[in-house]
Amino acid sequence: MPVSERDLTMRVNVKLFAMLSRYAQGKAPGAPFEVELSEGSTVQDLLQQLKVPPDETKVVFVNGIIQTKDFNLKPEDQVGIFPPIAGG
């Protein structure tokens, strides 16, 4: 039986910072963990899988470069997600 595109998966490494760490299943802020996604997934797909509300994400880095939520992730990408920062 041929493998459908939806059956192909990849892993990305994620770090959630500050208050977003509550979506990392008990990991400390900034502690890396792996997430398995379907190949072709975007940053937005990753956020949805982690159940991070859109208004709680301000900046997303992929391999050290700021990316938009429609950026297509690749296997082994390093993703850092930051919330809006308040204060002065």
C-alpha atoms as a PDB file:
ATOM      1  CA  MET A   1       0.000   0.000   0.000  1.00  0.00           C
ATOM      2  CA  PRO A   2       1.494   3.398  -0.952  1.00  0.00           C
ATOM      3  CA  VAL A   3       2.317   5.804   1.828  1.00  0.00           C
ATOM      4  CA  SER A   4       0.168   8.919   1.673  1.00  0.00           C
ATOM      5  CA  GLU A   5       1.700  12.329   2.254  1.00  0.00           C
ATOM      6  CA  ARG A   6      -0.253  12.656   5.527  1.00  0.00           C
ATOM      7  CA  ASP A   7       1.439   9.494   6.850  1.00  0.00           C
ATOM      8  CA  LEU A   8       4.922  11.017   6.566  1.00  0.00           C
ATOM      9  CA  THR A   9       6.109  12.625   9.759  1.00  0.00           C
ATOM     10  CA  MET A  10       9.036  14.701  10.920  1.00  0.00           C
ATOM     11  CA  ARG A  11      10.405  15.880  14.223  1.00  0.00           C
ATOM     12  CA  VAL A  12      11.282  19.444  15.153  1.00  0.00           C
ATOM     13  CA  ASN A  13      12.985  20.685  18.308  1.00  0.00           C
ATOM     14  CA  VAL A  14      11.023  23.298  20.230  1.00  0.00           C
ATOM     15  CA  LYS A  15      11.803  25.741  23.029  1.00  0.00           C
ATOM     16  CA  LEU A  16       8.955  27.671  24.648  1.00  0.00           C
ATOM     17  CA  PHE A  17       9.964  30.755  26.601  1.00  0.00           C
ATOM     18  CA  ALA A  18       8.502  32.618  29.589  1.00  0.00           C
ATOM     19  CA  MET A  19       4.800  31.930  30.229  1.00  0.00           C
ATOM     20  CA  LEU A  20       4.536  29.727  27.112  1.00  0.00           C
ATOM     21  CA  SER A  21       6.400  26.954  28.950  1.00  0.00           C
ATOM     22  CA  ARG A  22       3.054  25.859  30.418  1.00  0.00           C
ATOM     23  CA  TYR A  23       2.300  24.359  26.980  1.00  0.00           C
ATOM     24  CA  ALA A  24       5.467  22.217  27.119  1.00  0.00           C
ATOM     25  CA  GLN A  25       4.132  19.446  29.373  1.00  0.00           C
ATOM     26  CA  GLY A  26       6.138  20.222  32.496  1.00  0.00           C
ATOM     27  CA  LYS A  27       9.349  21.433  30.850  1.00  0.00           C
ATOM     28  CA  ALA A  28      11.222  24.419  32.279  1.00  0.00           C
ATOM     29  CA  PRO A  29      11.083  27.669  30.252  1.00  0.00           C
ATOM     30  CA  GLY A  30      13.497  27.377  27.329  1.00  0.00           C
ATOM     31  CA  ALA A  31      14.068  23.621  27.821  1.00  0.00           C
ATOM     32  CA  PRO A  32      14.126  21.858  24.438  1.00  0.00           C
ATOM     33  CA  PHE A  33      11.723  19.061  23.538  1.00  0.00           C
ATOM     34  CA  GLU A  34      10.790  17.235  20.344  1.00  0.00           C
ATOM     35  CA  VAL A  35       7.459  17.485  18.571  1.00  0.00           C
ATOM     36  CA  GLU A  36       6.335  15.123  15.817  1.00  0.00           C
ATOM     37  CA  LEU A  37       4.409  16.754  12.981  1.00  0.00           C
ATOM     38  CA  SER A  38       3.208  15.805   9.520  1.00  0.00           C
ATOM     39  CA  GLU A  39       5.728  16.690   6.818  1.00  0.00           C
ATOM     40  CA  GLY A  40       4.876  20.031   5.274  1.00  0.00           C
ATOM     41  CA  SER A  41       3.587  21.453   8.559  1.00  0.00           C
ATOM     42  CA  THR A  42       3.864  25.169   9.223  1.00  0.00           C
ATOM     43  CA  VAL A  43       4.704  27.125  12.357  1.00  0.00           C
ATOM     44  CA  GLN A  44       0.941  27.651  12.757  1.00  0.00           C
ATOM     45  CA  ASP A  45       0.370  23.867  12.652  1.00  0.00           C
ATOM     46  CA  LEU A  46       2.985  23.475  15.396  1.00  0.00           C
ATOM     47  CA  LEU A  47       1.305  26.137  17.544  1.00  0.00           C
ATOM     48  CA  GLN A  48      -2.066  24.431  17.091  1.00  0.00           C
ATOM     49  CA  GLN A  49      -0.634  21.040  18.045  1.00  0.00           C
ATOM     50  CA  LEU A  50       0.895  22.561  21.191  1.00  0.00           C
ATOM     51  CA  LYS A  51      -2.439  24.322  21.889  1.00  0.00           C
ATOM     52  CA  VAL A  52      -0.751  27.733  22.111  1.00  0.00           C
ATOM     53  CA  PRO A  53      -3.357  30.492  21.526  1.00  0.00           C
ATOM     54  CA  PRO A  54      -2.405  32.809  18.625  1.00  0.00           C
ATOM     55  CA  ASP A  55      -2.518  35.945  20.795  1.00  0.00           C
ATOM     56  CA  GLU A  56       0.082  34.454  23.166  1.00  0.00           C
ATOM     57  CA  THR A  57       2.790  34.216  20.497  1.00  0.00           C
ATOM     58  CA  LYS A  58       4.778  37.290  19.482  1.00  0.00           C
ATOM     59  CA  VAL A  59       8.019  36.048  17.872  1.00  0.00           C
ATOM     60  CA  VAL A  60       8.980  32.680  16.380  1.00  0.00           C
ATOM     61  CA  PHE A  61      12.576  31.847  15.470  1.00  0.00           C
ATOM     62  CA  VAL A  62      13.352  28.891  13.194  1.00  0.00           C
ATOM     63  CA  ASN A  63      17.040  28.020  13.140  1.00  0.00           C
ATOM     64  CA  GLY A  64      17.812  31.459  14.585  1.00  0.00           C
ATOM     65  CA  ILE A  65      15.818  33.463  12.015  1.00  0.00           C
ATOM     66  CA  ILE A  66      12.496  35.179  12.722  1.00  0.00           C
ATOM     67  CA  GLN A  67       9.753  33.514  10.676  1.00  0.00           C
ATOM     68  CA  THR A  68       6.044  34.044  10.062  1.00  0.00           C
ATOM     69  CA  LYS A  69       3.401  31.569  11.159  1.00  0.00           C
ATOM     70  CA  ASP A  70       2.949  30.321   7.581  1.00  0.00           C
ATOM     71  CA  PHE A  71       6.623  29.246   7.340  1.00  0.00           C
ATOM     72  CA  ASN A  72       7.017  25.575   6.315  1.00  0.00           C
ATOM     73  CA  LEU A  73       9.017  23.598   8.848  1.00  0.00           C
ATOM     74  CA  LYS A  74      11.587  20.967   7.906  1.00  0.00           C
ATOM     75  CA  PRO A  75      12.807  17.920   9.842  1.00  0.00           C
ATOM     76  CA  GLU A  76      15.144  18.780  12.723  1.00  0.00           C
ATOM     77  CA  ASP A  77      14.362  22.512  12.618  1.00  0.00           C
ATOM     78  CA  GLN A  78      15.100  24.359  15.867  1.00  0.00           C
ATOM     79  CA  VAL A  79      12.054  26.438  16.841  1.00  0.00           C
ATOM     80  CA  GLY A  80      12.004  29.063  19.594  1.00  0.00           C
ATOM     81  CA  ILE A  81       8.655  30.618  20.510  1.00  0.00           C
ATOM     82  CA  PHE A  82       8.335  33.813  22.558  1.00  0.00           C
ATOM     83  CA  PRO A  83       5.267  35.525  24.043  1.00  0.00           C
ATOM     84  CA  PRO A  84       4.597  39.269  23.923  1.00  0.00           C
ATOM     85  CA  ILE A  85       6.737  40.992  26.536  1.00  0.00           C
ATOM     86  CA  ALA A  86       5.102  43.609  28.747  1.00  0.00           C
ATOM     87  CA  GLY A  87       6.823  46.216  30.808  1.00  0.00           C
ATOM     88  CA  GLY A  88       8.976  49.230  30.268  1.00  0.00           C
END
